[in-house]
Amino acid sequence: MGKLKPQRRLASHETMAVVRMMRVAPQKLNLVAASIRGKHVEAAMAELTFSRRRIARDVLKCLMSAVANAENNHGLDVDRLVVAEAYVGKSLMMKRVRARARGRLGPIKKPFSRLTVKLREENI
């Protein structure tokens, strides 16, 4: 027999891309994600291209991946795509220590994040 094909989680006019293990705090990543929510894809790409934040390049890669998924996998029109959702979640927390005075240790936490970008085709 074989396995049944899993049902699609998104509507027929939606697509998404997920980036896991981004080496940035979720709060900082959410500032960049909030700047592209609800915008057309071209405007969001322009916003990320000229952003001064380091993580904006990785968010741009994720957005471009979602656009490629929309075009190649689902046959959506790239000119009508809008960033429907862009949300951030927590991931791994690397824990390190730093030597402090009097033989003690101070904790260093290096957070990782996960970014999900969903695009939707709008009818114009």
PDB file of N, CA and C in Angstrom:
ATOM      1  N   MET A   1       0.818  -1.176   0.000  1.00  0.00           N
ATOM      2  CA  MET A   1       0.000   0.000   0.000  1.00  0.00           C
ATOM      3  C   MET A   1       0.862   1.239   0.000  1.00  0.00           C
ATOM      4  N   GLY A   2       1.337   1.727   1.021  1.00  0.00           N
ATOM      5  CA  GLY A   2       2.107   2.966   1.026  1.00  0.00           C
ATOM      6  C   GLY A   2       1.426   4.020   1.866  1.00  0.00           C
ATOM      7  N   LYS A   3       2.185   5.024   2.151  1.00  0.00           N
ATOM      8  CA  LYS A   3       1.659   6.087   3.001  1.00  0.00           C
ATOM      9  C   LYS A   3       0.812   7.047   2.194  1.00  0.00           C
ATOM     10  N   LEU A   4      -0.194   7.587   2.852  1.00  0.00           N
ATOM     11  CA  LEU A   4      -0.987   8.632   2.242  1.00  0.00           C
ATOM     12  C   LEU A   4      -0.205   9.935   2.231  1.00  0.00           C
ATOM     13  N   LYS A   5      -0.453  10.741   1.220  1.00  0.00           N
ATOM     14  CA  LYS A   5       0.200  12.028   1.134  1.00  0.00           C
ATOM     15  C   LYS A   5      -0.360  12.942   2.225  1.00  0.00           C
ATOM     16  N   PRO A   6       0.495  13.611   3.013  1.00  0.00           N
ATOM     17  CA  PRO A   6      -0.033  14.478   4.074  1.00  0.00           C
ATOM     18  C   PRO A   6      -0.785  15.662   3.493  1.00  0.00           C
ATOM     19  N   GLN A   7      -1.819  16.080   4.190  1.00  0.00           N
ATOM     20  CA  GLN A   7      -2.596  17.215   3.721  1.00  0.00           C
ATOM     21  C   GLN A   7      -1.797  18.499   3.870  1.00  0.00           C
ATOM     22  N   ARG A   8      -2.049  19.408   2.965  1.00  0.00           N
ATOM     23  CA  ARG A   8      -1.354  20.695   2.960  1.00  0.00           C
ATOM     24  C   ARG A   8      -1.887  21.557   4.098  1.00  0.00           C
ATOM     25  N   ARG A   9      -0.972  22.133   4.886  1.00  0.00           N
ATOM     26  CA  ARG A   9      -1.372  22.952   6.031  1.00  0.00           C
ATOM     27  C   ARG A   9      -1.830  24.343   5.639  1.00  0.00           C
ATOM     28  N   LEU A  10      -1.453  24.779   4.447  1.00  0.00           N
ATOM     29  CA  LEU A  10      -1.766  26.132   4.004  1.00  0.00           C
ATOM     30  C   LEU A  10      -2.853  26.110   2.937  1.00  0.00           C
ATOM     31  N   ALA A  11      -3.462  27.247   2.705  1.00  0.00           N
ATOM     32  CA  ALA A  11      -4.441  27.369   1.631  1.00  0.00           C
ATOM     33  C   ALA A  11      -3.733  27.299   0.277  1.00  0.00           C
ATOM     34  N   SER A  12      -4.504  27.191  -0.786  1.00  0.00           N
ATOM     35  CA  SER A  12      -3.913  27.031  -2.117  1.00  0.00           C
ATOM     36  C   SER A  12      -3.204  28.296  -2.598  1.00  0.00           C
ATOM     37  N   HIS A  13      -3.528  29.444  -2.021  1.00  0.00           N
ATOM     38  CA  HIS A  13      -2.907  30.701  -2.443  1.00  0.00           C
ATOM     39  C   HIS A  13      -1.855  31.180  -1.440  1.00  0.00           C
ATOM     40  N   GLU A  14      -1.344  30.280  -0.597  1.00  0.00           N
ATOM     41  CA  GLU A  14      -0.335  30.632   0.403  1.00  0.00           C
ATOM     42  C   GLU A  14       0.892  29.743   0.266  1.00  0.00           C
ATOM     43  N   THR A  15       2.006  30.254   0.744  1.00  0.00           N
ATOM     44  CA  THR A  15       3.247  29.491   0.801  1.00  0.00           C
ATOM     45  C   THR A  15       4.068  29.996   1.975  1.00  0.00           C
ATOM     46  N   MET A  16       5.073  29.227   2.370  1.00  0.00           N
ATOM     47  CA  MET A  16       5.871  29.631   3.527  1.00  0.00           C
ATOM     48  C   MET A  16       7.300  29.126   3.411  1.00  0.00           C
ATOM     49  N   ALA A  17       8.153  29.706   4.241  1.00  0.00           N
ATOM     50  CA  ALA A  17       9.535  29.270   4.383  1.00  0.00           C
ATOM     51  C   ALA A  17       9.921  29.416   5.852  1.00  0.00           C
ATOM     52  N   VAL A  18      10.716  28.471   6.345  1.00  0.00           N
ATOM     53  CA  VAL A  18      11.122  28.461   7.748  1.00  0.00           C
ATOM     54  C   VAL A  18      12.642  28.397   7.819  1.00  0.00           C
ATOM     55  N   VAL A  19      13.225  29.230   8.667  1.00  0.00           N
ATOM     56  CA  VAL A  19      14.660  29.173   8.949  1.00  0.00           C
ATOM     57  C   VAL A  19      14.818  28.831  10.420  1.00  0.00           C
ATOM     58  N   ARG A  20      15.555  27.757  10.679  1.00  0.00           N
ATOM     59  CA  ARG A  20      15.780  27.331  12.056  1.00  0.00           C
ATOM     60  C   ARG A  20      17.221  27.653  12.449  1.00  0.00           C
ATOM     61  N   MET A  21      17.446  27.787  13.722  1.00  0.00           N
ATOM     62  CA  MET A  21      18.793  27.978  14.287  1.00  0.00           C
ATOM     63  C   MET A  21      19.479  29.247  13.773  1.00  0.00           C
ATOM     64  N   MET A  22      18.764  30.366  13.805  1.00  0.00           N
ATOM     65  CA  MET A  22      19.381  31.652  13.492  1.00  0.00           C
ATOM     66  C   MET A  22      20.057  32.161  14.748  1.00  0.00           C
ATOM     67  N   ARG A  23      21.299  32.541  14.651  1.00  0.00           N
ATOM     68  CA  ARG A  23      22.083  32.930  15.825  1.00  0.00           C
ATOM     69  C   ARG A  23      21.836  34.390  16.175  1.00  0.00           C
ATOM     70  N   VAL A  24      20.654  34.642  16.727  1.00  0.00           N
ATOM     71  CA  VAL A  24      20.272  35.977  17.172  1.00  0.00           C
ATOM     72  C   VAL A  24      19.168  35.794  18.201  1.00  0.00           C
ATOM     73  N   ALA A  25      19.044  36.747  19.099  1.00  0.00           N
ATOM     74  CA  ALA A  25      17.987  36.689  20.107  1.00  0.00           C
ATOM     75  C   ALA A  25      16.625  36.889  19.434  1.00  0.00           C
ATOM     76  N   PRO A  26      15.593  36.182  19.899  1.00  0.00           N
ATOM     77  CA  PRO A  26      14.272  36.323  19.276  1.00  0.00           C
ATOM     78  C   PRO A  26      13.724  37.746  19.312  1.00  0.00           C
ATOM     79  N   GLN A  27      14.019  38.477  20.359  1.00  0.00           N
ATOM     80  CA  GLN A  27      13.511  39.844  20.475  1.00  0.00           C
ATOM     81  C   GLN A  27      14.105  40.745  19.394  1.00  0.00           C
ATOM     82  N   LYS A  28      15.388  40.565  19.097  1.00  0.00           N
ATOM     83  CA  LYS A  28      16.028  41.368  18.047  1.00  0.00           C
ATOM     84  C   LYS A  28      15.514  40.971  16.670  1.00  0.00           C
ATOM     85  N   LEU A  29      15.331  39.674  16.460  1.00  0.00           N
ATOM     86  CA  LEU A  29      14.831  39.192  15.179  1.00  0.00           C
ATOM     87  C   LEU A  29      13.400  39.664  14.943  1.00  0.00           C
ATOM     88  N   ASN A  30      12.609  39.744  15.995  1.00  0.00           N
ATOM     89  CA  ASN A  30      11.212  40.170  15.858  1.00  0.00           C
ATOM     90  C   ASN A  30      11.113  41.625  15.410  1.00  0.00           C
ATOM     91  N   LEU A  31      12.085  42.452  15.756  1.00  0.00           N
ATOM     92  CA  LEU A  31      12.074  43.842  15.294  1.00  0.00           C
ATOM     93  C   LEU A  31      12.184  43.912  13.770  1.00  0.00           C
ATOM     94  N   VAL A  32      13.020  43.044  13.204  1.00  0.00           N
ATOM     95  CA  VAL A  32      13.187  43.019  11.749  1.00  0.00           C
ATOM     96  C   VAL A  32      11.963  42.389  11.089  1.00  0.00           C
ATOM     97  N   ALA A  33      11.442  41.316  11.697  1.00  0.00           N
ATOM     98  CA  ALA A  33      10.265  40.654  11.131  1.00  0.00           C
ATOM     99  C   ALA A  33       9.052  41.582  11.142  1.00  0.00           C
ATOM    100  N   ALA A  34       8.926  42.392  12.175  1.00  0.00           N
ATOM    101  CA  ALA A  34       7.792  43.321  12.272  1.00  0.00           C
ATOM    102  C   ALA A  34       7.850  44.390  11.185  1.00  0.00           C
ATOM    103  N   SER A  35       9.050  44.696  10.703  1.00  0.00           N
ATOM    104  CA  SER A  35       9.179  45.742   9.688  1.00  0.00           C
ATOM    105  C   SER A  35       8.688  45.294   8.311  1.00  0.00           C
ATOM    106  N   ILE A  36       8.507  43.977   8.088  1.00  0.00           N
ATOM    107  CA  ILE A  36       8.057  43.512   6.774  1.00  0.00           C
ATOM    108  C   ILE A  36       6.637  42.952   6.788  1.00  0.00           C
ATOM    109  N   ARG A  37       6.039  42.801   7.954  1.00  0.00           N
ATOM    110  CA  ARG A  37       4.694  42.221   8.026  1.00  0.00           C
ATOM    111  C   ARG A  37       3.681  43.070   7.278  1.00  0.00           C
ATOM    112  N   GLY A  38       2.866  42.416   6.453  1.00  0.00           N
ATOM    113  CA  GLY A  38       1.793  43.098   5.745  1.00  0.00           C
ATOM    114  C   GLY A  38       2.219  43.853   4.507  1.00  0.00           C
ATOM    115  N   LYS A  39       3.487  43.849   4.149  1.00  0.00           N
ATOM    116  CA  LYS A  39       3.963  44.597   2.991  1.00  0.00           C
ATOM    117  C   LYS A  39       3.998  43.709   1.755  1.00  0.00           C
ATOM    118  N   HIS A  40       3.975  44.338   0.587  1.00  0.00           N
ATOM    119  CA  HIS A  40       4.190  43.604  -0.653  1.00  0.00           C
ATOM    120  C   HIS A  40       5.630  43.096  -0.664  1.00  0.00           C
ATOM    121  N   VAL A  41       5.875  42.047  -1.398  1.00  0.00           N
ATOM    122  CA  VAL A  41       7.184  41.389  -1.374  1.00  0.00           C
ATOM    123  C   VAL A  41       8.285  42.332  -1.841  1.00  0.00           C
ATOM    124  N   GLU A  42       8.024  43.112  -2.880  1.00  0.00           N
ATOM    125  CA  GLU A  42       9.051  44.036  -3.385  1.00  0.00           C
ATOM    126  C   GLU A  42       9.417  45.078  -2.335  1.00  0.00           C
ATOM    127  N   ALA A  43       8.424  45.619  -1.650  1.00  0.00           N
ATOM    128  CA  ALA A  43       8.685  46.621  -0.606  1.00  0.00           C
ATOM    129  C   ALA A  43       9.427  45.991   0.568  1.00  0.00           C
ATOM    130  N   ALA A  44       9.074  44.764   0.905  1.00  0.00           N
ATOM    131  CA  ALA A  44       9.753  44.077   2.008  1.00  0.00           C
ATOM    132  C   ALA A  44      11.213  43.794   1.660  1.00  0.00           C
ATOM    133  N   MET A  45      11.462  43.396   0.411  1.00  0.00           N
ATOM    134  CA  MET A  45      12.852  43.153  -0.015  1.00  0.00           C
ATOM    135  C   MET A  45      13.666  44.442   0.022  1.00  0.00           C
ATOM    136  N   ALA A  46      13.077  45.543  -0.407  1.00  0.00           N
ATOM    137  CA  ALA A  46      13.775  46.828  -0.366  1.00  0.00           C
ATOM    138  C   ALA A  46      14.065  47.230   1.076  1.00  0.00           C
ATOM    139  N   GLU A  47      13.102  47.009   1.955  1.00  0.00           N
ATOM    140  CA  GLU A  47      13.281  47.334   3.378  1.00  0.00           C
ATOM    141  C   GLU A  47      14.446  46.549   3.978  1.00  0.00           C
ATOM    142  N   LEU A  48      14.515  45.255   3.663  1.00  0.00           N
ATOM    143  CA  LEU A  48      15.571  44.409   4.233  1.00  0.00           C
ATOM    144  C   LEU A  48      16.927  44.677   3.592  1.00  0.00           C
ATOM    145  N   THR A  49      16.930  45.011   2.322  1.00  0.00           N
ATOM    146  CA  THR A  49      18.199  45.274   1.629  1.00  0.00           C
ATOM    147  C   THR A  49      18.925  46.471   2.238  1.00  0.00           C
ATOM    148  N   PHE A  50      18.168  47.496   2.611  1.00  0.00           N
ATOM    149  CA  PHE A  50      18.787  48.716   3.115  1.00  0.00           C
ATOM    150  C   PHE A  50      18.734  48.843   4.632  1.00  0.00           C
ATOM    151  N   SER A  51      18.340  47.781   5.309  1.00  0.00           N
ATOM    152  CA  SER A  51      18.317  47.802   6.768  1.00  0.00           C
ATOM    153  C   SER A  51      19.741  47.731   7.312  1.00  0.00           C
ATOM    154  N   ARG A  52      19.974  48.391   8.422  1.00  0.00           N
ATOM    155  CA  ARG A  52      21.312  48.409   9.006  1.00  0.00           C
ATOM    156  C   ARG A  52      21.547  47.267   9.984  1.00  0.00           C
ATOM    157  N   ARG A  53      20.531  46.478  10.256  1.00  0.00           N
ATOM    158  CA  ARG A  53      20.672  45.380  11.208  1.00  0.00           C
ATOM    159  C   ARG A  53      21.363  44.186  10.551  1.00  0.00           C
ATOM    160  N   ARG A  54      22.216  43.513  11.308  1.00  0.00           N
ATOM    161  CA  ARG A  54      22.996  42.386  10.782  1.00  0.00           C
ATOM    162  C   ARG A  54      22.100  41.247  10.315  1.00  0.00           C
ATOM    163  N   ILE A  55      21.056  40.968  11.047  1.00  0.00           N
ATOM    164  CA  ILE A  55      20.228  39.799  10.780  1.00  0.00           C
ATOM    165  C   ILE A  55      19.296  40.012   9.587  1.00  0.00           C
ATOM    166  N   ALA A  56      19.207  41.237   9.075  1.00  0.00           N
ATOM    167  CA  ALA A  56      18.308  41.532   7.957  1.00  0.00           C
ATOM    168  C   ALA A  56      18.680  40.736   6.709  1.00  0.00           C
ATOM    169  N   ARG A  57      19.959  40.436   6.518  1.00  0.00           N
ATOM    170  CA  ARG A  57      20.383  39.642   5.354  1.00  0.00           C
ATOM    171  C   ARG A  57      19.811  38.230   5.415  1.00  0.00           C
ATOM    172  N   ASP A  58      19.793  37.637   6.610  1.00  0.00           N
ATOM    173  CA  ASP A  58      19.243  36.291   6.757  1.00  0.00           C
ATOM    174  C   ASP A  58      17.728  36.290   6.603  1.00  0.00           C
ATOM    175  N   VAL A  59      17.070  37.336   7.055  1.00  0.00           N
ATOM    176  CA  VAL A  59      15.623  37.450   6.874  1.00  0.00           C
ATOM    177  C   VAL A  59      15.307  37.610   5.387  1.00  0.00           C
ATOM    178  N   LEU A  60      16.146  38.353   4.666  1.00  0.00           N
ATOM    179  CA  LEU A  60      15.969  38.517   3.225  1.00  0.00           C
ATOM    180  C   LEU A  60      16.112  37.176   2.512  1.00  0.00           C
ATOM    181  N   LYS A  61      17.066  36.355   2.935  1.00  0.00           N
ATOM    182  CA  LYS A  61      17.228  35.021   2.347  1.00  0.00           C
ATOM    183  C   LYS A  61      15.978  34.180   2.555  1.00  0.00           C
ATOM    184  N   CYS A  62      15.403  34.252   3.744  1.00  0.00           N
ATOM    185  CA  CYS A  62      14.192  33.501   4.045  1.00  0.00           C
ATOM    186  C   CYS A  62      13.036  33.991   3.179  1.00  0.00           C
ATOM    187  N   LEU A  63      12.915  35.290   3.013  1.00  0.00           N
ATOM    188  CA  LEU A  63      11.859  35.860   2.182  1.00  0.00           C
ATOM    189  C   LEU A  63      12.022  35.433   0.729  1.00  0.00           C
ATOM    190  N   MET A  64      13.255  35.447   0.232  1.00  0.00           N
ATOM    191  CA  MET A  64      13.504  35.022  -1.145  1.00  0.00           C
ATOM    192  C   MET A  64      13.212  33.530  -1.322  1.00  0.00           C
ATOM    193  N   SER A  65      13.471  32.741  -0.297  1.00  0.00           N
ATOM    194  CA  SER A  65      13.145  31.319  -0.346  1.00  0.00           C
ATOM    195  C   SER A  65      11.642  31.107  -0.411  1.00  0.00           C
ATOM    196  N   ALA A  66      10.887  31.885   0.352  1.00  0.00           N
ATOM    197  CA  ALA A  66       9.428  31.782   0.309  1.00  0.00           C
ATOM    198  C   ALA A  66       8.885  32.186  -1.062  1.00  0.00           C
ATOM    199  N   VAL A  67       9.493  33.196  -1.673  1.00  0.00           N
ATOM    200  CA  VAL A  67       9.074  33.621  -3.015  1.00  0.00           C
ATOM    201  C   VAL A  67       9.378  32.517  -4.026  1.00  0.00           C
ATOM    202  N   ALA A  68      10.540  31.888  -3.907  1.00  0.00           N
ATOM    203  CA  ALA A  68      10.895  30.788  -4.812  1.00  0.00           C
ATOM    204  C   ALA A  68       9.952  29.606  -4.625  1.00  0.00           C
ATOM    205  N   ASN A  69       9.569  29.323  -3.365  1.00  0.00           N
ATOM    206  CA  ASN A  69       8.602  28.255  -3.114  1.00  0.00           C
ATOM    207  C   ASN A  69       7.260  28.577  -3.772  1.00  0.00           C
ATOM    208  N   ALA A  70       6.844  29.824  -3.676  1.00  0.00           N
ATOM    209  CA  ALA A  70       5.559  30.229  -4.256  1.00  0.00           C
ATOM    210  C   ALA A  70       5.574  30.059  -5.770  1.00  0.00           C
ATOM    211  N   GLU A  71       6.676  30.437  -6.383  1.00  0.00           N
ATOM    212  CA  GLU A  71       6.753  30.402  -7.842  1.00  0.00           C
ATOM    213  C   GLU A  71       6.925  28.978  -8.365  1.00  0.00           C
ATOM    214  N   ASN A  72       7.853  28.233  -7.790  1.00  0.00           N
ATOM    215  CA  ASN A  72       8.202  26.922  -8.341  1.00  0.00           C
ATOM    216  C   ASN A  72       7.297  25.797  -7.854  1.00  0.00           C
ATOM    217  N   ASN A  73       6.947  25.801  -6.574  1.00  0.00           N
ATOM    218  CA  ASN A  73       6.188  24.684  -6.023  1.00  0.00           C
ATOM    219  C   ASN A  73       4.682  24.852  -6.145  1.00  0.00           C
ATOM    220  N   HIS A  74       4.200  26.098  -6.106  1.00  0.00           N
ATOM    221  CA  HIS A  74       2.757  26.314  -6.055  1.00  0.00           C
ATOM    222  C   HIS A  74       2.219  27.128  -7.225  1.00  0.00           C
ATOM    223  N   GLY A  75       3.083  27.608  -8.103  1.00  0.00           N
ATOM    224  CA  GLY A  75       2.643  28.319  -9.302  1.00  0.00           C
ATOM    225  C   GLY A  75       1.925  29.624  -9.030  1.00  0.00           C
ATOM    226  N   LEU A  76       2.340  30.350  -7.991  1.00  0.00           N
ATOM    227  CA  LEU A  76       1.705  31.633  -7.659  1.00  0.00           C
ATOM    228  C   LEU A  76       2.384  32.771  -8.418  1.00  0.00           C
ATOM    229  N   ASP A  77       1.651  33.861  -8.606  1.00  0.00           N
ATOM    230  CA  ASP A  77       2.174  35.036  -9.292  1.00  0.00           C
ATOM    231  C   ASP A  77       3.013  35.855  -8.307  1.00  0.00           C
ATOM    232  N   VAL A  78       4.282  36.055  -8.632  1.00  0.00           N
ATOM    233  CA  VAL A  78       5.211  36.726  -7.718  1.00  0.00           C
ATOM    234  C   VAL A  78       4.849  38.193  -7.517  1.00  0.00           C
ATOM    235  N   ASP A  79       4.280  38.818  -8.525  1.00  0.00           N
ATOM    236  CA  ASP A  79       3.965  40.247  -8.443  1.00  0.00           C
ATOM    237  C   ASP A  79       2.807  40.539  -7.498  1.00  0.00           C
ATOM    238  N   ARG A  80       2.017  39.520  -7.145  1.00  0.00           N
ATOM    239  CA  ARG A  80       0.851  39.743  -6.290  1.00  0.00           C
ATOM    240  C   ARG A  80       1.046  39.198  -4.880  1.00  0.00           C
ATOM    241  N   LEU A  81       2.266  38.857  -4.513  1.00  0.00           N
ATOM    242  CA  LEU A  81       2.516  38.268  -3.197  1.00  0.00           C
ATOM    243  C   LEU A  81       2.657  39.337  -2.122  1.00  0.00           C
ATOM    244  N   VAL A  82       2.106  39.020  -0.954  1.00  0.00           N
ATOM    245  CA  VAL A  82       2.169  39.897   0.212  1.00  0.00           C
ATOM    246  C   VAL A  82       2.660  39.064   1.393  1.00  0.00           C
ATOM    247  N   VAL A  83       3.457  39.674   2.267  1.00  0.00           N
ATOM    248  CA  VAL A  83       3.908  38.996   3.482  1.00  0.00           C
ATOM    249  C   VAL A  83       2.726  38.953   4.442  1.00  0.00           C
ATOM    250  N   ALA A  84       2.066  37.803   4.507  1.00  0.00           N
ATOM    251  CA  ALA A  84       0.887  37.665   5.359  1.00  0.00           C
ATOM    252  C   ALA A  84       1.291  37.568   6.825  1.00  0.00           C
ATOM    253  N   GLU A  85       2.304  36.760   7.107  1.00  0.00           N
ATOM    254  CA  GLU A  85       2.774  36.571   8.477  1.00  0.00           C
ATOM    255  C   GLU A  85       4.287  36.469   8.467  1.00  0.00           C
ATOM    256  N   ALA A  86       4.899  36.979   9.508  1.00  0.00           N
ATOM    257  CA  ALA A  86       6.330  36.796   9.751  1.00  0.00           C
ATOM    258  C   ALA A  86       6.482  36.730  11.263  1.00  0.00           C
ATOM    259  N   TYR A  87       6.686  35.531  11.779  1.00  0.00           N
ATOM    260  CA  TYR A  87       6.756  35.411  13.229  1.00  0.00           C
ATOM    261  C   TYR A  87       8.006  34.661  13.656  1.00  0.00           C
ATOM    262  N   VAL A  88       8.368  34.885  14.916  1.00  0.00           N
ATOM    263  CA  VAL A  88       9.637  34.420  15.463  1.00  0.00           C
ATOM    264  C   VAL A  88       9.356  33.521  16.653  1.00  0.00           C
ATOM    265  N   GLY A  89      10.168  32.492  16.788  1.00  0.00           N
ATOM    266  CA  GLY A  89      10.059  31.603  17.940  1.00  0.00           C
ATOM    267  C   GLY A  89      11.431  31.347  18.541  1.00  0.00           C
ATOM    268  N   LYS A  90      11.426  30.873  19.770  1.00  0.00           N
ATOM    269  CA  LYS A  90      12.683  30.556  20.438  1.00  0.00           C
ATOM    270  C   LYS A  90      13.213  29.216  19.953  1.00  0.00           C
ATOM    271  N   SER A  91      14.507  29.061  20.026  1.00  0.00           N
ATOM    272  CA  SER A  91      15.135  27.796  19.689  1.00  0.00           C
ATOM    273  C   SER A  91      16.144  27.479  20.791  1.00  0.00           C
ATOM    274  N   LEU A  92      17.231  26.911  20.416  1.00  0.00           N
ATOM    275  CA  LEU A  92      18.252  26.476  21.358  1.00  0.00           C
ATOM    276  C   LEU A  92      18.863  27.656  22.128  1.00  0.00           C
ATOM    277  N   MET A  93      19.305  27.398  23.354  1.00  0.00           N
ATOM    278  CA  MET A  93      20.045  28.396  24.138  1.00  0.00           C
ATOM    279  C   MET A  93      21.400  27.775  24.492  1.00  0.00           C
ATOM    280  N   MET A  94      22.466  28.260  23.848  1.00  0.00           N
ATOM    281  CA  MET A  94      23.804  27.778  24.184  1.00  0.00           C
ATOM    282  C   MET A  94      24.241  28.437  25.475  1.00  0.00           C
ATOM    283  N   LYS A  95      24.758  27.657  26.403  1.00  0.00           N
ATOM    284  CA  LYS A  95      25.181  28.207  27.683  1.00  0.00           C
ATOM    285  C   LYS A  95      26.686  28.082  27.810  1.00  0.00           C
ATOM    286  N   ARG A  96      27.322  29.200  28.078  1.00  0.00           N
ATOM    287  CA  ARG A  96      28.767  29.266  28.249  1.00  0.00           C
ATOM    288  C   ARG A  96      29.046  29.950  29.570  1.00  0.00           C
ATOM    289  N   VAL A  97      30.306  29.883  30.014  1.00  0.00           N
ATOM    290  CA  VAL A  97      30.680  30.561  31.249  1.00  0.00           C
ATOM    291  C   VAL A  97      31.869  31.456  31.001  1.00  0.00           C
ATOM    292  N   ARG A  98      31.979  32.462  31.854  1.00  0.00           N
ATOM    293  CA  ARG A  98      33.092  33.405  31.780  1.00  0.00           C
ATOM    294  C   ARG A  98      33.700  33.517  33.172  1.00  0.00           C
ATOM    295  N   ALA A  99      34.997  33.509  33.229  1.00  0.00           N
ATOM    296  CA  ALA A  99      35.673  33.616  34.521  1.00  0.00           C
ATOM    297  C   ALA A  99      35.460  35.007  35.102  1.00  0.00           C
ATOM    298  N   ARG A 100      35.129  35.032  36.395  1.00  0.00           N
ATOM    299  CA  ARG A 100      34.918  36.283  37.097  1.00  0.00           C
ATOM    300  C   ARG A 100      35.881  36.360  38.284  1.00  0.00           C
ATOM    301  N   ALA A 101      35.741  37.386  39.050  1.00  0.00           N
ATOM    302  CA  ALA A 101      36.666  37.617  40.159  1.00  0.00           C
ATOM    303  C   ALA A 101      36.488  36.559  41.254  1.00  0.00           C
ATOM    304  N   ARG A 102      37.520  36.348  42.016  1.00  0.00           N
ATOM    305  CA  ARG A 102      37.530  35.481  43.186  1.00  0.00           C
ATOM    306  C   ARG A 102      37.160  34.028  42.854  1.00  0.00           C
ATOM    307  N   GLY A 103      37.551  33.568  41.662  1.00  0.00           N
ATOM    308  CA  GLY A 103      37.353  32.172  41.297  1.00  0.00           C
ATOM    309  C   GLY A 103      35.934  31.789  40.953  1.00  0.00           C
ATOM    310  N   ARG A 104      35.105  32.747  40.678  1.00  0.00           N
ATOM    311  CA  ARG A 104      33.709  32.447  40.359  1.00  0.00           C
ATOM    312  C   ARG A 104      33.497  32.452  38.851  1.00  0.00           C
ATOM    313  N   LEU A 105      32.302  32.038  38.441  1.00  0.00           N
ATOM    314  CA  LEU A 105      31.951  32.010  37.025  1.00  0.00           C
ATOM    315  C   LEU A 105      30.708  32.851  36.789  1.00  0.00           C
ATOM    316  N   GLY A 106      30.664  33.466  35.622  1.00  0.00           N
ATOM    317  CA  GLY A 106      29.477  34.216  35.221  1.00  0.00           C
ATOM    318  C   GLY A 106      28.864  33.559  33.996  1.00  0.00           C
ATOM    319  N   PRO A 107      27.545  33.405  33.971  1.00  0.00           N
ATOM    320  CA  PRO A 107      26.918  32.734  32.827  1.00  0.00           C
ATOM    321  C   PRO A 107      26.847  33.629  31.592  1.00  0.00           C
ATOM    322  N   ILE A 108      27.003  33.015  30.429  1.00  0.00           N
ATOM    323  CA  ILE A 108      26.796  33.682  29.144  1.00  0.00           C
ATOM    324  C   ILE A 108      25.771  32.848  28.396  1.00  0.00           C
ATOM    325  N   LYS A 109      24.686  33.471  27.956  1.00  0.00           N
ATOM    326  CA  LYS A 109      23.647  32.769  27.211  1.00  0.00           C
ATOM    327  C   LYS A 109      23.662  33.254  25.768  1.00  0.00           C
ATOM    328  N   LYS A 110      23.761  32.307  24.850  1.00  0.00           N
ATOM    329  CA  LYS A 110      23.792  32.629  23.423  1.00  0.00           C
ATOM    330  C   LYS A 110      22.534  32.051  22.781  1.00  0.00           C
ATOM    331  N   PRO A 111      21.510  32.878  22.578  1.00  0.00           N
ATOM    332  CA  PRO A 111      20.228  32.366  22.093  1.00  0.00           C
ATOM    333  C   PRO A 111      20.207  32.149  20.578  1.00  0.00           C
ATOM    334  N   PHE A 112      19.365  31.201  20.172  1.00  0.00           N
ATOM    335  CA  PHE A 112      19.074  30.948  18.768  1.00  0.00           C
ATOM    336  C   PHE A 112      17.582  31.167  18.557  1.00  0.00           C
ATOM    337  N   SER A 113      17.193  31.448  17.313  1.00  0.00           N
ATOM    338  CA  SER A 113      15.801  31.749  17.000  1.00  0.00           C
ATOM    339  C   SER A 113      15.355  30.980  15.773  1.00  0.00           C
ATOM    340  N   ARG A 114      14.043  31.011  15.547  1.00  0.00           N
ATOM    341  CA  ARG A 114      13.444  30.386  14.378  1.00  0.00           C
ATOM    342  C   ARG A 114      12.527  31.419  13.739  1.00  0.00           C
ATOM    343  N   LEU A 115      12.598  31.534  12.419  1.00  0.00           N
ATOM    344  CA  LEU A 115      11.799  32.520  11.687  1.00  0.00           C
ATOM    345  C   LEU A 115      10.895  31.810  10.689  1.00  0.00           C
ATOM    346  N   THR A 116       9.620  32.171  10.672  1.00  0.00           N
ATOM    347  CA  THR A 116       8.658  31.632   9.713  1.00  0.00           C
ATOM    348  C   THR A 116       8.047  32.802   8.939  1.00  0.00           C
ATOM    349  N   VAL A 117       8.111  32.716   7.615  1.00  0.00           N
ATOM    350  CA  VAL A 117       7.551  33.752   6.742  1.00  0.00           C
ATOM    351  C   VAL A 117       6.480  33.089   5.878  1.00  0.00           C
ATOM    352  N   LYS A 118       5.249  33.620   5.946  1.00  0.00           N
ATOM    353  CA  LYS A 118       4.154  33.119   5.118  1.00  0.00           C
ATOM    354  C   LYS A 118       3.762  34.206   4.120  1.00  0.00           C
ATOM    355  N   LEU A 119       3.650  33.805   2.872  1.00  0.00           N
ATOM    356  CA  LEU A 119       3.244  34.717   1.809  1.00  0.00           C
ATOM    357  C   LEU A 119       1.854  34.331   1.310  1.00  0.00           C
ATOM    358  N   ARG A 120       1.095  35.334   0.900  1.00  0.00           N
ATOM    359  CA  ARG A 120      -0.245  35.100   0.385  1.00  0.00           C
ATOM    360  C   ARG A 120      -0.406  35.865  -0.920  1.00  0.00           C
ATOM    361  N   GLU A 121      -1.043  35.225  -1.890  1.00  0.00           N
ATOM    362  CA  GLU A 121      -1.309  35.880  -3.178  1.00  0.00           C
ATOM    363  C   GLU A 121      -2.602  36.671  -3.064  1.00  0.00           C
ATOM    364  N   GLU A 122      -2.525  37.965  -3.346  1.00  0.00           N
ATOM    365  CA  GLU A 122      -3.703  38.824  -3.268  1.00  0.00           C
ATOM    366  C   GLU A 122      -4.321  39.004  -4.637  1.00  0.00           C
ATOM    367  N   ASN A 123      -5.632  39.077  -4.669  1.00  0.00           N
ATOM    368  CA  ASN A 123      -6.342  39.362  -5.915  1.00  0.00           C
ATOM    369  C   ASN A 123      -6.431  40.864  -6.096  1.00  0.00           C
ATOM    370  N   ILE A 124      -5.953  41.325  -7.230  1.00  0.00           N
ATOM    371  CA  ILE A 124      -5.948  42.785  -7.489  1.00  0.00           C
ATOM    372  C   ILE A 124      -7.052  43.136  -8.454  1.00  0.00           C
TER     373      ILE A 124
END
